[in-house]
Structures are given as structure tokens and as C-alpha cells.
Amino acid sequence: MALKIYPSTIFSSLIFGTLHLTNLGPGNVESVLQQVFYTFVLGVLLSILRVTTNTLFWPIGLHFLIDWQPDIATSQGPPSADWWVIGTIFSVILIVGLIYLIKFDRADERRQVSLSH
């Protein structure tokens, strides 16, 4: 039985998002909680880039570009946004990403079965 990509993606993305709790400070709890959520989703996206391209170049490059914005360098960080907007946009990305990863796993499973016969 082959290892599945989507469970490891979810687990590593949860860790990736949770590590952003280190940005907690006075007065920015809501924005950091939003950051934890959308960073989890971006972790899924970075994993998709990794398995699709079979290289770390693109995920590292995208992460660099995301971090290369003026708000990241300030001590206060970005202001919080409307939860409804954050939830809607990133939930769609998450659902599409998980569907892609599940299909990727199924295709890999079929490929391994055909190779074993």
C-alpha cells in the first residue's frame, strides 16, 4: 500500500499554520488567528506545488514572495480582515486543493497497481 499525500499534507499544513501562533502579541490576536487559518491553506497549496512539480523550487519561491511584503517586516503585522472574506476565499482554495490531492493519490494508487501486475 502506498503512502497517501493528502493526510501528510493536512498534518504538515496544520503544523505550518500553528507555528504562526508565534506572531501573537498585544492587540493582534484576531489577525494572527486569521494568519494561522490562511497559512494552513497556503501550506496545502505549497504541498500541491511540491507534488505536482516534483521540486521544492516553486513552493520555496512562492513562500518567499508571500513573505516579501512590507507588512510582514513590521512588528504589528497586517491588520485583521473580515472573517467571512478570509473564510470564503481560503475555504474554496482548501476544498479544491484537497480534491486535487485525493485525485492525485488515487491516480498514484492505480499506477502502482498497474506496475505490480
Protein backbone atom coordinates (compact mmCIF):
# COMPACT_ATOMS: atom_id res chain seq x y z
CA MET A 1 0.00 0.00 0.00
CA ALA A 2 1.34 3.40 -0.99
CA LEU A 3 1.58 6.31 1.37
CA LYS A 4 -1.12 8.91 0.86
CA ILE A 5 -0.23 12.51 0.11
CA TYR A 6 -3.37 14.23 1.42
CA PRO A 7 -3.15 13.12 5.10
CA SER A 8 0.50 14.15 5.31
CA THR A 9 -0.37 17.43 3.59
CA ILE A 10 -3.10 18.16 6.12
CA PHE A 11 -0.85 17.28 9.05
CA SER A 12 2.17 19.27 7.86
CA SER A 13 -0.04 22.23 6.89
CA LEU A 14 -1.62 22.23 10.36
CA ILE A 15 1.85 22.38 11.86
CA PHE A 16 2.84 25.11 9.37
CA GLY A 17 -0.21 27.18 10.29
CA THR A 18 0.07 26.59 14.02
CA LEU A 19 3.71 27.69 14.04
CA HIS A 20 2.45 31.14 13.05
CA LEU A 21 0.99 31.48 16.56
CA THR A 22 4.47 32.70 17.46
CA ASN A 23 3.38 36.02 15.92
CA LEU A 24 0.95 36.60 18.79
CA GLY A 25 1.46 39.91 20.51
CA PRO A 26 -0.56 42.55 22.26
CA GLY A 27 -3.53 43.70 20.24
CA ASN A 28 -3.19 41.44 17.20
CA VAL A 29 -4.87 38.19 18.26
CA GLU A 30 -7.55 38.25 15.54
CA SER A 31 -5.09 38.92 12.72
CA VAL A 32 -2.79 36.13 13.94
CA LEU A 33 -5.69 33.66 14.15
CA GLN A 34 -6.61 34.59 10.58
CA GLN A 35 -2.98 34.13 9.62
CA VAL A 36 -2.96 30.64 11.17
CA PHE A 37 -6.01 29.72 9.08
CA TYR A 38 -4.83 31.07 5.76
CA THR A 39 -1.29 29.80 6.35
CA PHE A 40 -2.73 26.32 6.84
CA VAL A 41 -4.46 26.64 3.48
CA LEU A 42 -1.31 28.03 1.86
CA GLY A 43 0.55 25.03 3.28
CA VAL A 44 -1.84 22.81 1.31
CA LEU A 45 -1.17 24.91 -1.80
CA LEU A 46 2.60 24.66 -1.30
CA SER A 47 2.27 20.88 -0.94
CA ILE A 48 0.31 20.74 -4.19
CA LEU A 49 3.09 22.68 -5.89
CA ARG A 50 5.63 20.26 -4.44
CA VAL A 51 3.94 17.06 -5.59
CA THR A 52 2.93 18.50 -8.96
CA THR A 53 6.34 19.87 -9.92
CA ASN A 54 8.43 17.29 -8.00
CA THR A 55 10.73 20.08 -6.83
CA LEU A 56 10.95 22.44 -3.88
CA PHE A 57 11.93 25.40 -6.07
CA TRP A 58 8.36 26.62 -6.71
CA PRO A 59 6.99 26.20 -3.16
CA ILE A 60 10.04 27.94 -1.69
CA GLY A 61 9.80 30.69 -4.32
CA LEU A 62 6.10 31.27 -3.64
CA HIS A 63 6.69 31.33 0.12
CA PHE A 64 9.47 33.87 -0.40
CA LEU A 65 7.21 36.09 -2.50
CA ILE A 66 4.40 35.90 0.08
CA ASP A 67 6.80 36.85 2.88
CA TRP A 68 8.36 39.63 0.79
CA GLN A 69 5.79 42.27 1.61
CA PRO A 70 6.14 45.34 3.80
CA ASP A 71 3.52 44.31 6.39
CA ILE A 72 5.45 41.17 7.28
CA ALA A 73 8.50 43.22 8.33
CA THR A 74 6.59 45.47 10.74
CA SER A 75 6.16 44.49 14.35
CA GLN A 76 2.38 44.89 14.19
CA GLY A 77 1.87 42.70 11.12
CA PRO A 78 -1.05 43.00 8.74
CA PRO A 79 -4.40 44.24 10.05
CA SER A 80 -7.17 41.71 10.51
CA ALA A 81 -9.69 41.31 7.72
CA ASP A 82 -13.32 40.24 7.70
CA TRP A 83 -13.56 36.57 8.75
CA TRP A 84 -16.26 35.97 6.17
CA VAL A 85 -13.98 37.09 3.34
CA ILE A 86 -10.97 35.13 4.64
CA GLY A 87 -13.10 32.04 5.25
CA THR A 88 -14.80 32.14 1.86
CA ILE A 89 -11.70 32.68 -0.23
CA PHE A 90 -9.43 30.26 1.57
CA SER A 91 -12.11 27.58 2.08
CA VAL A 92 -12.58 27.40 -1.69
CA ILE A 93 -8.81 27.07 -2.16
CA LEU A 94 -8.71 24.40 0.55
CA ILE A 95 -11.57 22.34 -0.91
CA VAL A 96 -10.19 22.48 -4.46
CA GLY A 97 -6.72 21.64 -3.16
CA LEU A 98 -7.89 18.64 -1.15
CA ILE A 99 -9.90 17.32 -4.10
CA TYR A 100 -6.78 17.63 -6.25
CA LEU A 101 -4.65 15.78 -3.68
CA ILE A 102 -7.18 12.97 -3.25
CA LYS A 103 -7.32 12.53 -7.04
CA PHE A 104 -3.52 12.61 -7.12
CA ASP A 105 -3.42 9.82 -4.51
CA ARG A 106 -5.96 7.72 -6.42
CA ALA A 107 -4.04 8.11 -9.68
CA ASP A 108 -0.81 7.13 -7.94
CA GLU A 109 -2.53 4.10 -6.41
CA ARG A 110 -3.81 2.99 -9.83
CA ARG A 111 -0.33 3.49 -11.29
CA GLN A 112 1.23 1.33 -8.60
CA VAL A 113 -1.37 -1.41 -9.08
CA SER A 114 -0.72 -1.45 -12.83
CA LEU A 115 3.04 -1.64 -12.24
CA SER A 116 2.66 -4.60 -9.88
CA HIS A 117 0.74 -6.66 -12.47
